[in-house]
Amino acid sequence: MKRSIGLWQLMGYAVTVLGGTVLHFLYEWLGDAVWIAPFSGVNESTWEHMKLLFWPMLLFAIVEYFFFRERADFWCVKLWGILLGLVMIPVLFYTYNGVIGKSPDWINIVIFFVSAAIAFLYETRQFYKETTVCKAPKLVVALLATIALLFVIFTFWTPEIGIFRDPLTGTYGI
């Protein structure tokens, strides 16, 4: 099982970047369908791009869990990987924009792909090291559920702070 974790992680990366790419456009493709809004990008804000990473990573982790459920560290590693990926998006985006200025779309795509890669490389390393101790896996799952709930809530009731602002329109949320 240990040998196959690398392949699973590679598949997870592929699912995340492909799924996130589709989710980027899905809301618009479906005619601004409200039911897909919590899972899809509804504007070009940094928060919405974080959502594109979160949902595919979470869904893949749920599938992956059925094959690695005997690992006591599974959900802790996944939580830290997802959090790392979510943090990397604004860190890379705002750092790049702070240094260079406005970023072209291709840089934003690279930021998404690099953030996902960093998250999955971290997870893979942790799985191979087998040093993560997960004392409260139910709490970890509750934290992931809370993050999911925040993505849903902030899609419809968006705080008017920078990370939620669409840089193209200056609007927030839907």
N, C-alpha and C. Protein backbone atom coordinates (compact mmCIF):
# COMPACT_ATOMS: atom_id res chain seq x y z
N MET A 1 0.82 -1.19 0.00
CA MET A 1 0.00 0.00 0.00
C MET A 1 0.87 1.26 0.00
N LYS A 2 1.99 1.23 0.72
CA LYS A 2 2.87 2.39 0.81
C LYS A 2 3.39 2.80 -0.56
N ARG A 3 3.69 1.83 -1.41
CA ARG A 3 4.22 2.13 -2.73
C ARG A 3 3.18 2.82 -3.61
N SER A 4 1.91 2.53 -3.40
CA SER A 4 0.87 3.08 -4.27
C SER A 4 0.43 4.49 -3.87
N ILE A 5 0.85 4.97 -2.71
CA ILE A 5 0.40 6.30 -2.28
C ILE A 5 0.88 7.38 -3.25
N GLY A 6 2.07 7.23 -3.79
CA GLY A 6 2.58 8.21 -4.76
C GLY A 6 1.70 8.28 -6.00
N LEU A 7 1.26 7.15 -6.49
CA LEU A 7 0.37 7.11 -7.65
C LEU A 7 -0.98 7.74 -7.32
N TRP A 8 -1.50 7.44 -6.14
CA TRP A 8 -2.76 8.05 -5.71
C TRP A 8 -2.62 9.57 -5.63
N GLN A 9 -1.52 10.03 -5.09
CA GLN A 9 -1.30 11.47 -4.96
C GLN A 9 -1.18 12.13 -6.32
N LEU A 10 -0.51 11.46 -7.25
CA LEU A 10 -0.40 11.98 -8.61
C LEU A 10 -1.79 12.07 -9.26
N MET A 11 -2.60 11.04 -9.05
CA MET A 11 -3.98 11.08 -9.56
C MET A 11 -4.76 12.21 -8.90
N GLY A 12 -4.54 12.41 -7.60
CA GLY A 12 -5.22 13.49 -6.88
C GLY A 12 -4.85 14.85 -7.44
N TYR A 13 -3.58 15.03 -7.78
CA TYR A 13 -3.14 16.29 -8.38
C TYR A 13 -3.85 16.50 -9.72
N ALA A 14 -3.88 15.46 -10.54
CA ALA A 14 -4.53 15.56 -11.85
C ALA A 14 -6.02 15.88 -11.69
N VAL A 15 -6.69 15.18 -10.79
CA VAL A 15 -8.11 15.43 -10.55
C VAL A 15 -8.32 16.86 -10.07
N THR A 16 -7.45 17.33 -9.20
CA THR A 16 -7.60 18.68 -8.65
C THR A 16 -7.41 19.75 -9.72
N VAL A 17 -6.35 19.65 -10.51
CA VAL A 17 -6.13 20.71 -11.50
C VAL A 17 -7.16 20.64 -12.63
N LEU A 18 -7.54 19.44 -13.03
CA LEU A 18 -8.58 19.34 -14.07
C LEU A 18 -9.94 19.76 -13.52
N GLY A 19 -10.27 19.25 -12.33
CA GLY A 19 -11.54 19.62 -11.71
C GLY A 19 -11.63 21.10 -11.42
N GLY A 20 -10.55 21.67 -10.90
CA GLY A 20 -10.54 23.10 -10.62
C GLY A 20 -10.67 23.94 -11.87
N THR A 21 -10.05 23.48 -12.95
CA THR A 21 -10.16 24.19 -14.22
C THR A 21 -11.60 24.19 -14.73
N VAL A 22 -12.26 23.03 -14.65
CA VAL A 22 -13.66 22.95 -15.06
C VAL A 22 -14.53 23.81 -14.15
N LEU A 23 -14.30 23.73 -12.84
CA LEU A 23 -15.08 24.53 -11.89
C LEU A 23 -14.92 26.03 -12.12
N HIS A 24 -13.79 26.44 -12.64
CA HIS A 24 -13.56 27.85 -12.92
C HIS A 24 -14.61 28.41 -13.87
N PHE A 25 -15.03 27.60 -14.81
CA PHE A 25 -15.95 28.05 -15.84
C PHE A 25 -17.39 27.55 -15.67
N LEU A 26 -17.61 26.60 -14.80
CA LEU A 26 -18.90 25.90 -14.72
C LEU A 26 -20.08 26.81 -14.39
N TYR A 27 -19.89 27.72 -13.47
CA TYR A 27 -20.97 28.64 -13.09
C TYR A 27 -21.46 29.42 -14.32
N GLU A 28 -20.53 29.95 -15.06
CA GLU A 28 -20.88 30.70 -16.27
C GLU A 28 -21.47 29.79 -17.35
N TRP A 29 -20.87 28.62 -17.54
CA TRP A 29 -21.36 27.67 -18.55
C TRP A 29 -22.80 27.24 -18.28
N LEU A 30 -23.17 27.17 -17.01
CA LEU A 30 -24.52 26.75 -16.64
C LEU A 30 -25.48 27.93 -16.49
N GLY A 31 -25.11 29.05 -17.08
CA GLY A 31 -25.99 30.22 -17.07
C GLY A 31 -26.17 30.83 -15.70
N ASP A 32 -25.08 30.90 -14.93
CA ASP A 32 -25.10 31.47 -13.58
C ASP A 32 -26.07 30.72 -12.65
N ALA A 33 -26.05 29.40 -12.77
CA ALA A 33 -26.93 28.55 -11.95
C ALA A 33 -26.53 28.64 -10.48
N VAL A 34 -27.47 29.03 -9.65
CA VAL A 34 -27.22 29.24 -8.23
C VAL A 34 -26.79 27.95 -7.54
N TRP A 35 -27.30 26.80 -7.95
CA TRP A 35 -27.00 25.54 -7.28
C TRP A 35 -25.53 25.13 -7.40
N ILE A 36 -24.85 25.59 -8.45
CA ILE A 36 -23.43 25.23 -8.62
C ILE A 36 -22.51 26.30 -8.02
N ALA A 37 -23.04 27.46 -7.71
CA ALA A 37 -22.23 28.58 -7.21
C ALA A 37 -21.35 28.24 -6.00
N PRO A 38 -21.83 27.48 -5.01
CA PRO A 38 -20.95 27.19 -3.86
C PRO A 38 -19.70 26.38 -4.23
N PHE A 39 -19.73 25.70 -5.35
CA PHE A 39 -18.64 24.81 -5.73
C PHE A 39 -17.80 25.35 -6.88
N SER A 40 -18.31 26.32 -7.58
CA SER A 40 -17.67 26.83 -8.78
C SER A 40 -17.24 28.28 -8.55
N GLY A 41 -16.34 28.75 -9.39
CA GLY A 41 -15.93 30.14 -9.30
C GLY A 41 -17.02 31.04 -9.84
N VAL A 42 -17.47 32.00 -9.04
CA VAL A 42 -18.52 32.92 -9.48
C VAL A 42 -17.96 34.26 -9.91
N ASN A 43 -16.69 34.50 -9.62
CA ASN A 43 -16.00 35.70 -10.09
C ASN A 43 -14.49 35.42 -10.06
N GLU A 44 -13.69 36.43 -10.26
CA GLU A 44 -12.24 36.25 -10.36
C GLU A 44 -11.49 36.59 -9.07
N SER A 45 -12.19 36.61 -7.95
CA SER A 45 -11.53 36.93 -6.68
C SER A 45 -10.58 35.80 -6.26
N THR A 46 -9.67 36.14 -5.40
CA THR A 46 -8.74 35.16 -4.86
C THR A 46 -9.50 34.07 -4.11
N TRP A 47 -10.51 34.45 -3.35
CA TRP A 47 -11.32 33.48 -2.60
C TRP A 47 -11.95 32.44 -3.53
N GLU A 48 -12.47 32.89 -4.63
CA GLU A 48 -13.11 31.97 -5.58
C GLU A 48 -12.09 31.02 -6.19
N HIS A 49 -10.85 31.48 -6.36
CA HIS A 49 -9.80 30.59 -6.86
C HIS A 49 -9.38 29.57 -5.80
N MET A 50 -9.47 29.96 -4.55
CA MET A 50 -9.19 29.00 -3.47
C MET A 50 -10.26 27.90 -3.46
N LYS A 51 -11.49 28.28 -3.74
CA LYS A 51 -12.59 27.32 -3.80
C LYS A 51 -12.32 26.26 -4.88
N LEU A 52 -11.72 26.67 -5.98
CA LEU A 52 -11.43 25.75 -7.09
C LEU A 52 -10.42 24.68 -6.69
N LEU A 53 -9.59 24.97 -5.72
CA LEU A 53 -8.64 23.99 -5.20
C LEU A 53 -9.29 23.12 -4.13
N PHE A 54 -10.06 23.76 -3.27
CA PHE A 54 -10.63 23.04 -2.12
C PHE A 54 -11.54 21.89 -2.52
N TRP A 55 -12.54 22.15 -3.35
CA TRP A 55 -13.54 21.12 -3.63
C TRP A 55 -12.95 19.88 -4.30
N PRO A 56 -12.14 20.00 -5.34
CA PRO A 56 -11.57 18.78 -5.92
C PRO A 56 -10.64 18.04 -4.95
N MET A 57 -9.86 18.78 -4.16
CA MET A 57 -8.98 18.11 -3.19
C MET A 57 -9.80 17.37 -2.15
N LEU A 58 -10.85 17.98 -1.66
CA LEU A 58 -11.69 17.34 -0.65
C LEU A 58 -12.38 16.10 -1.22
N LEU A 59 -12.97 16.24 -2.39
CA LEU A 59 -13.68 15.09 -2.99
C LEU A 59 -12.72 13.94 -3.29
N PHE A 60 -11.53 14.26 -3.77
CA PHE A 60 -10.56 13.20 -4.02
C PHE A 60 -10.14 12.55 -2.71
N ALA A 61 -9.96 13.34 -1.66
CA ALA A 61 -9.58 12.78 -0.36
C ALA A 61 -10.64 11.81 0.15
N ILE A 62 -11.90 12.14 -0.07
CA ILE A 62 -12.98 11.24 0.36
C ILE A 62 -12.89 9.91 -0.37
N VAL A 63 -12.66 9.95 -1.67
CA VAL A 63 -12.50 8.72 -2.45
C VAL A 63 -11.26 7.96 -2.00
N GLU A 64 -10.16 8.68 -1.85
CA GLU A 64 -8.88 8.07 -1.46
C GLU A 64 -8.97 7.41 -0.09
N TYR A 65 -9.77 7.98 0.78
CA TYR A 65 -9.91 7.44 2.13
C TYR A 65 -10.37 5.99 2.13
N PHE A 66 -11.23 5.63 1.20
CA PHE A 66 -11.73 4.26 1.16
C PHE A 66 -10.63 3.24 0.86
N PHE A 67 -9.52 3.71 0.30
CA PHE A 67 -8.40 2.83 0.00
C PHE A 67 -7.29 2.91 1.06
N PHE A 68 -7.32 3.95 1.87
CA PHE A 68 -6.26 4.15 2.87
C PHE A 68 -6.83 4.38 4.26
N ARG A 69 -8.01 3.86 4.53
CA ARG A 69 -8.67 4.11 5.82
C ARG A 69 -7.91 3.53 7.00
N GLU A 70 -7.03 2.57 6.76
CA GLU A 70 -6.27 1.99 7.88
C GLU A 70 -5.18 2.93 8.38
N ARG A 71 -4.92 3.98 7.64
CA ARG A 71 -3.91 4.96 8.07
C ARG A 71 -4.52 5.90 9.10
N ALA A 72 -4.00 5.87 10.28
CA ALA A 72 -4.50 6.73 11.35
C ALA A 72 -4.22 8.21 11.07
N ASP A 73 -3.22 8.48 10.24
CA ASP A 73 -2.82 9.86 9.96
C ASP A 73 -3.53 10.45 8.74
N PHE A 74 -4.38 9.69 8.07
CA PHE A 74 -4.93 10.09 6.78
C PHE A 74 -5.56 11.48 6.80
N TRP A 75 -6.55 11.69 7.66
CA TRP A 75 -7.28 12.96 7.63
C TRP A 75 -6.43 14.13 8.11
N CYS A 76 -5.51 13.89 9.01
CA CYS A 76 -4.63 14.99 9.44
C CYS A 76 -3.71 15.43 8.31
N VAL A 77 -3.15 14.46 7.60
CA VAL A 77 -2.29 14.80 6.46
C VAL A 77 -3.11 15.55 5.40
N LYS A 78 -4.31 15.08 5.13
CA LYS A 78 -5.16 15.73 4.13
C LYS A 78 -5.54 17.15 4.55
N LEU A 79 -5.88 17.33 5.82
CA LEU A 79 -6.21 18.68 6.30
C LEU A 79 -5.04 19.63 6.07
N TRP A 80 -3.84 19.23 6.50
CA TRP A 80 -2.68 20.10 6.35
C TRP A 80 -2.34 20.34 4.89
N GLY A 81 -2.52 19.33 4.05
CA GLY A 81 -2.27 19.51 2.62
C GLY A 81 -3.25 20.50 2.00
N ILE A 82 -4.52 20.34 2.32
CA ILE A 82 -5.53 21.26 1.79
C ILE A 82 -5.29 22.67 2.31
N LEU A 83 -5.01 22.82 3.58
CA LEU A 83 -4.72 24.15 4.13
C LEU A 83 -3.50 24.78 3.47
N LEU A 84 -2.47 23.98 3.25
CA LEU A 84 -1.27 24.50 2.58
C LEU A 84 -1.61 24.99 1.18
N GLY A 85 -2.36 24.20 0.43
CA GLY A 85 -2.76 24.61 -0.92
C GLY A 85 -3.59 25.89 -0.89
N LEU A 86 -4.52 25.97 0.07
CA LEU A 86 -5.37 27.16 0.17
C LEU A 86 -4.56 28.40 0.53
N VAL A 87 -3.58 28.25 1.39
CA VAL A 87 -2.75 29.39 1.79
C VAL A 87 -1.82 29.82 0.64
N MET A 88 -1.33 28.86 -0.11
CA MET A 88 -0.37 29.18 -1.18
C MET A 88 -1.00 30.06 -2.27
N ILE A 89 -2.28 29.88 -2.55
CA ILE A 89 -2.91 30.69 -3.61
C ILE A 89 -2.82 32.18 -3.30
N PRO A 90 -3.31 32.67 -2.15
CA PRO A 90 -3.18 34.10 -1.91
C PRO A 90 -1.73 34.54 -1.68
N VAL A 91 -0.92 33.70 -1.05
CA VAL A 91 0.47 34.09 -0.81
C VAL A 91 1.18 34.32 -2.15
N LEU A 92 1.07 33.39 -3.06
CA LEU A 92 1.73 33.53 -4.36
C LEU A 92 1.11 34.67 -5.17
N PHE A 93 -0.21 34.75 -5.17
CA PHE A 93 -0.90 35.78 -5.95
C PHE A 93 -0.54 37.18 -5.47
N TYR A 94 -0.67 37.42 -4.16
CA TYR A 94 -0.41 38.76 -3.65
C TYR A 94 1.08 39.10 -3.65
N THR A 95 1.93 38.12 -3.47
CA THR A 95 3.37 38.38 -3.57
C THR A 95 3.73 38.77 -4.99
N TYR A 96 3.26 38.00 -5.95
CA TYR A 96 3.56 38.30 -7.36
C TYR A 96 3.02 39.67 -7.75
N ASN A 97 1.76 39.93 -7.38
CA ASN A 97 1.17 41.22 -7.73
C ASN A 97 1.82 42.38 -7.00
N GLY A 98 2.28 42.13 -5.77
CA GLY A 98 2.96 43.18 -5.03
C GLY A 98 4.30 43.56 -5.64
N VAL A 99 4.96 42.58 -6.23
CA VAL A 99 6.28 42.83 -6.82
C VAL A 99 6.16 43.33 -8.25
N ILE A 100 5.34 42.68 -9.05
CA ILE A 100 5.27 42.97 -10.48
C ILE A 100 4.12 43.91 -10.84
N GLY A 101 3.03 43.80 -10.13
CA GLY A 101 1.83 44.56 -10.48
C GLY A 101 0.73 43.59 -10.91
N LYS A 102 -0.10 44.01 -11.78
CA LYS A 102 -1.22 43.17 -12.25
C LYS A 102 -0.68 41.94 -12.98
N SER A 103 -1.24 40.79 -12.65
CA SER A 103 -0.74 39.55 -13.27
C SER A 103 -1.62 39.13 -14.44
N PRO A 104 -0.99 38.63 -15.48
CA PRO A 104 -1.76 38.09 -16.62
C PRO A 104 -2.44 36.78 -16.21
N ASP A 105 -3.47 36.41 -16.95
CA ASP A 105 -4.23 35.20 -16.62
C ASP A 105 -3.36 33.96 -16.55
N TRP A 106 -2.37 33.85 -17.40
CA TRP A 106 -1.55 32.64 -17.41
C TRP A 106 -0.77 32.50 -16.10
N ILE A 107 -0.40 33.60 -15.49
CA ILE A 107 0.29 33.55 -14.19
C ILE A 107 -0.68 33.03 -13.12
N ASN A 108 -1.93 33.47 -13.16
CA ASN A 108 -2.92 32.99 -12.20
C ASN A 108 -3.13 31.49 -12.34
N ILE A 109 -3.11 31.00 -13.56
CA ILE A 109 -3.25 29.56 -13.80
C ILE A 109 -2.04 28.82 -13.23
N VAL A 110 -0.86 29.36 -13.46
CA VAL A 110 0.36 28.75 -12.92
C VAL A 110 0.31 28.74 -11.39
N ILE A 111 -0.16 29.82 -10.79
CA ILE A 111 -0.28 29.88 -9.33
C ILE A 111 -1.19 28.76 -8.83
N PHE A 112 -2.30 28.53 -9.50
CA PHE A 112 -3.22 27.46 -9.11
C PHE A 112 -2.54 26.10 -9.22
N PHE A 113 -1.87 25.84 -10.34
CA PHE A 113 -1.20 24.55 -10.55
C PHE A 113 -0.06 24.35 -9.55
N VAL A 114 0.70 25.39 -9.28
CA VAL A 114 1.82 25.30 -8.33
C VAL A 114 1.29 25.08 -6.91
N SER A 115 0.24 25.78 -6.54
CA SER A 115 -0.34 25.61 -5.20
C SER A 115 -0.82 24.18 -4.99
N ALA A 116 -1.47 23.62 -6.00
CA ALA A 116 -1.93 22.23 -5.92
C ALA A 116 -0.73 21.28 -5.83
N ALA A 117 0.30 21.54 -6.61
CA ALA A 117 1.49 20.69 -6.59
C ALA A 117 2.15 20.72 -5.21
N ILE A 118 2.29 21.90 -4.64
CA ILE A 118 2.89 22.02 -3.31
C ILE A 118 2.08 21.24 -2.29
N ALA A 119 0.76 21.35 -2.36
CA ALA A 119 -0.12 20.64 -1.42
C ALA A 119 0.05 19.13 -1.53
N PHE A 120 0.03 18.61 -2.76
CA PHE A 120 0.13 17.17 -2.94
C PHE A 120 1.54 16.65 -2.66
N LEU A 121 2.56 17.43 -2.96
CA LEU A 121 3.92 17.02 -2.61
C LEU A 121 4.09 16.95 -1.10
N TYR A 122 3.53 17.92 -0.40
CA TYR A 122 3.58 17.91 1.06
C TYR A 122 2.89 16.65 1.59
N GLU A 123 1.68 16.39 1.11
CA GLU A 123 0.94 15.22 1.57
C GLU A 123 1.72 13.93 1.31
N THR A 124 2.25 13.82 0.10
CA THR A 124 2.99 12.61 -0.26
C THR A 124 4.18 12.41 0.66
N ARG A 125 4.90 13.49 0.92
CA ARG A 125 6.06 13.41 1.83
C ARG A 125 5.62 12.95 3.22
N GLN A 126 4.52 13.52 3.71
CA GLN A 126 4.03 13.14 5.04
C GLN A 126 3.58 11.67 5.07
N PHE A 127 2.94 11.22 4.03
CA PHE A 127 2.51 9.82 3.98
C PHE A 127 3.71 8.87 3.98
N TYR A 128 4.76 9.22 3.24
CA TYR A 128 5.95 8.37 3.20
C TYR A 128 6.72 8.40 4.51
N LYS A 129 6.79 9.57 5.14
CA LYS A 129 7.52 9.69 6.41
C LYS A 129 6.82 8.95 7.54
N GLU A 130 5.51 8.90 7.49
CA GLU A 130 4.71 8.23 8.52
C GLU A 130 5.00 8.75 9.93
N THR A 131 5.17 10.06 10.05
CA THR A 131 5.46 10.65 11.35
C THR A 131 4.31 11.50 11.89
N THR A 132 3.30 11.75 11.06
CA THR A 132 2.17 12.56 11.50
C THR A 132 1.33 11.78 12.50
N VAL A 133 1.06 12.40 13.62
CA VAL A 133 0.20 11.78 14.63
C VAL A 133 -1.13 12.51 14.58
N CYS A 134 -2.19 11.76 14.42
CA CYS A 134 -3.52 12.35 14.32
C CYS A 134 -4.32 11.91 15.55
N LYS A 135 -4.36 12.78 16.53
CA LYS A 135 -5.01 12.43 17.80
C LYS A 135 -6.52 12.61 17.77
N ALA A 136 -7.02 13.43 16.85
CA ALA A 136 -8.46 13.70 16.82
C ALA A 136 -8.96 13.75 15.38
N PRO A 137 -9.00 12.60 14.70
CA PRO A 137 -9.43 12.61 13.30
C PRO A 137 -10.86 13.13 13.11
N LYS A 138 -11.73 12.93 14.09
CA LYS A 138 -13.10 13.44 13.96
C LYS A 138 -13.10 14.97 13.99
N LEU A 139 -12.23 15.56 14.79
CA LEU A 139 -12.10 17.02 14.82
C LEU A 139 -11.58 17.52 13.48
N VAL A 140 -10.63 16.81 12.90
CA VAL A 140 -10.07 17.18 11.60
C VAL A 140 -11.17 17.17 10.54
N VAL A 141 -11.99 16.14 10.53
CA VAL A 141 -13.10 16.06 9.58
C VAL A 141 -14.08 17.21 9.83
N ALA A 142 -14.32 17.55 11.09
CA ALA A 142 -15.19 18.68 11.42
C ALA A 142 -14.59 19.99 10.91
N LEU A 143 -13.28 20.15 10.99
CA LEU A 143 -12.63 21.36 10.47
C LEU A 143 -12.77 21.44 8.95
N LEU A 144 -12.61 20.32 8.27
CA LEU A 144 -12.80 20.30 6.82
C LEU A 144 -14.25 20.64 6.47
N ALA A 145 -15.19 20.13 7.23
CA ALA A 145 -16.61 20.45 7.00
C ALA A 145 -16.87 21.93 7.25
N THR A 146 -16.21 22.51 8.24
CA THR A 146 -16.35 23.94 8.53
C THR A 146 -15.82 24.78 7.38
N ILE A 147 -14.67 24.39 6.84
CA ILE A 147 -14.12 25.10 5.69
C ILE A 147 -15.09 25.02 4.52
N ALA A 148 -15.63 23.83 4.29
CA ALA A 148 -16.61 23.65 3.20
C ALA A 148 -17.81 24.57 3.41
N LEU A 149 -18.30 24.63 4.64
CA LEU A 149 -19.44 25.48 4.96
C LEU A 149 -19.12 26.95 4.71
N LEU A 150 -17.90 27.38 5.05
CA LEU A 150 -17.50 28.76 4.81
C LEU A 150 -17.47 29.09 3.32
N PHE A 151 -17.02 28.14 2.51
CA PHE A 151 -17.04 28.37 1.06
C PHE A 151 -18.48 28.55 0.57
N VAL A 152 -19.39 27.79 1.11
CA VAL A 152 -20.80 27.92 0.73
C VAL A 152 -21.37 29.26 1.21
N ILE A 153 -21.19 29.55 2.48
CA ILE A 153 -21.75 30.78 3.06
C ILE A 153 -21.20 32.02 2.37
N PHE A 154 -19.87 32.07 2.20
CA PHE A 154 -19.27 33.27 1.63
C PHE A 154 -19.52 33.42 0.13
N THR A 155 -20.08 32.41 -0.49
CA THR A 155 -20.50 32.56 -1.88
C THR A 155 -21.71 33.48 -1.95
N PHE A 156 -22.61 33.37 -0.99
CA PHE A 156 -23.86 34.13 -1.01
C PHE A 156 -23.83 35.36 -0.10
N TRP A 157 -23.10 35.28 1.00
CA TRP A 157 -22.97 36.40 1.93
C TRP A 157 -21.48 36.71 2.04
N THR A 158 -21.02 37.50 1.10
CA THR A 158 -19.60 37.74 0.93
C THR A 158 -19.12 38.96 1.72
N PRO A 159 -18.13 38.76 2.59
CA PRO A 159 -17.56 39.92 3.29
C PRO A 159 -16.89 40.88 2.28
N GLU A 160 -17.00 42.14 2.52
CA GLU A 160 -16.41 43.11 1.61
C GLU A 160 -14.99 43.45 2.04
N ILE A 161 -14.12 42.44 1.90
CA ILE A 161 -12.69 42.63 2.14
C ILE A 161 -11.94 42.14 0.90
N GLY A 162 -10.70 42.55 0.79
CA GLY A 162 -9.91 42.36 -0.42
C GLY A 162 -9.89 40.98 -1.03
N ILE A 163 -9.75 39.93 -0.25
CA ILE A 163 -9.61 38.59 -0.79
C ILE A 163 -10.88 38.14 -1.53
N PHE A 164 -12.02 38.77 -1.21
CA PHE A 164 -13.30 38.42 -1.84
C PHE A 164 -13.64 39.32 -3.03
N ARG A 165 -12.85 40.34 -3.27
CA ARG A 165 -13.15 41.34 -4.31
C ARG A 165 -12.70 40.84 -5.68
N ASP A 166 -13.62 40.90 -6.62
CA ASP A 166 -13.30 40.57 -8.01
C ASP A 166 -12.48 41.72 -8.59
N PRO A 167 -11.22 41.47 -8.99
CA PRO A 167 -10.38 42.57 -9.48
C PRO A 167 -10.86 43.13 -10.83
N LEU A 168 -11.66 42.39 -11.55
CA LEU A 168 -12.15 42.86 -12.86
C LEU A 168 -13.36 43.77 -12.73
N THR A 169 -14.27 43.45 -11.80
CA THR A 169 -15.52 44.22 -11.69
C THR A 169 -15.61 45.04 -10.42
N GLY A 170 -14.77 44.71 -9.42
CA GLY A 170 -14.83 45.42 -8.14
C GLY A 170 -15.98 44.95 -7.27
N THR A 171 -16.66 43.88 -7.67
CA THR A 171 -17.80 43.38 -6.92
C THR A 171 -17.37 42.24 -5.98
N TYR A 172 -18.31 41.83 -5.15
CA TYR A 172 -18.08 40.75 -4.17
C TYR A 172 -19.12 39.67 -4.35
N GLY A 173 -18.70 38.42 -4.37
CA GLY A 173 -19.64 37.30 -4.46
C GLY A 173 -20.39 37.29 -5.77
N ILE A 174 -21.60 36.75 -5.69
CA ILE A 174 -22.45 36.65 -6.90
C ILE A 174 -22.97 38.01 -7.28
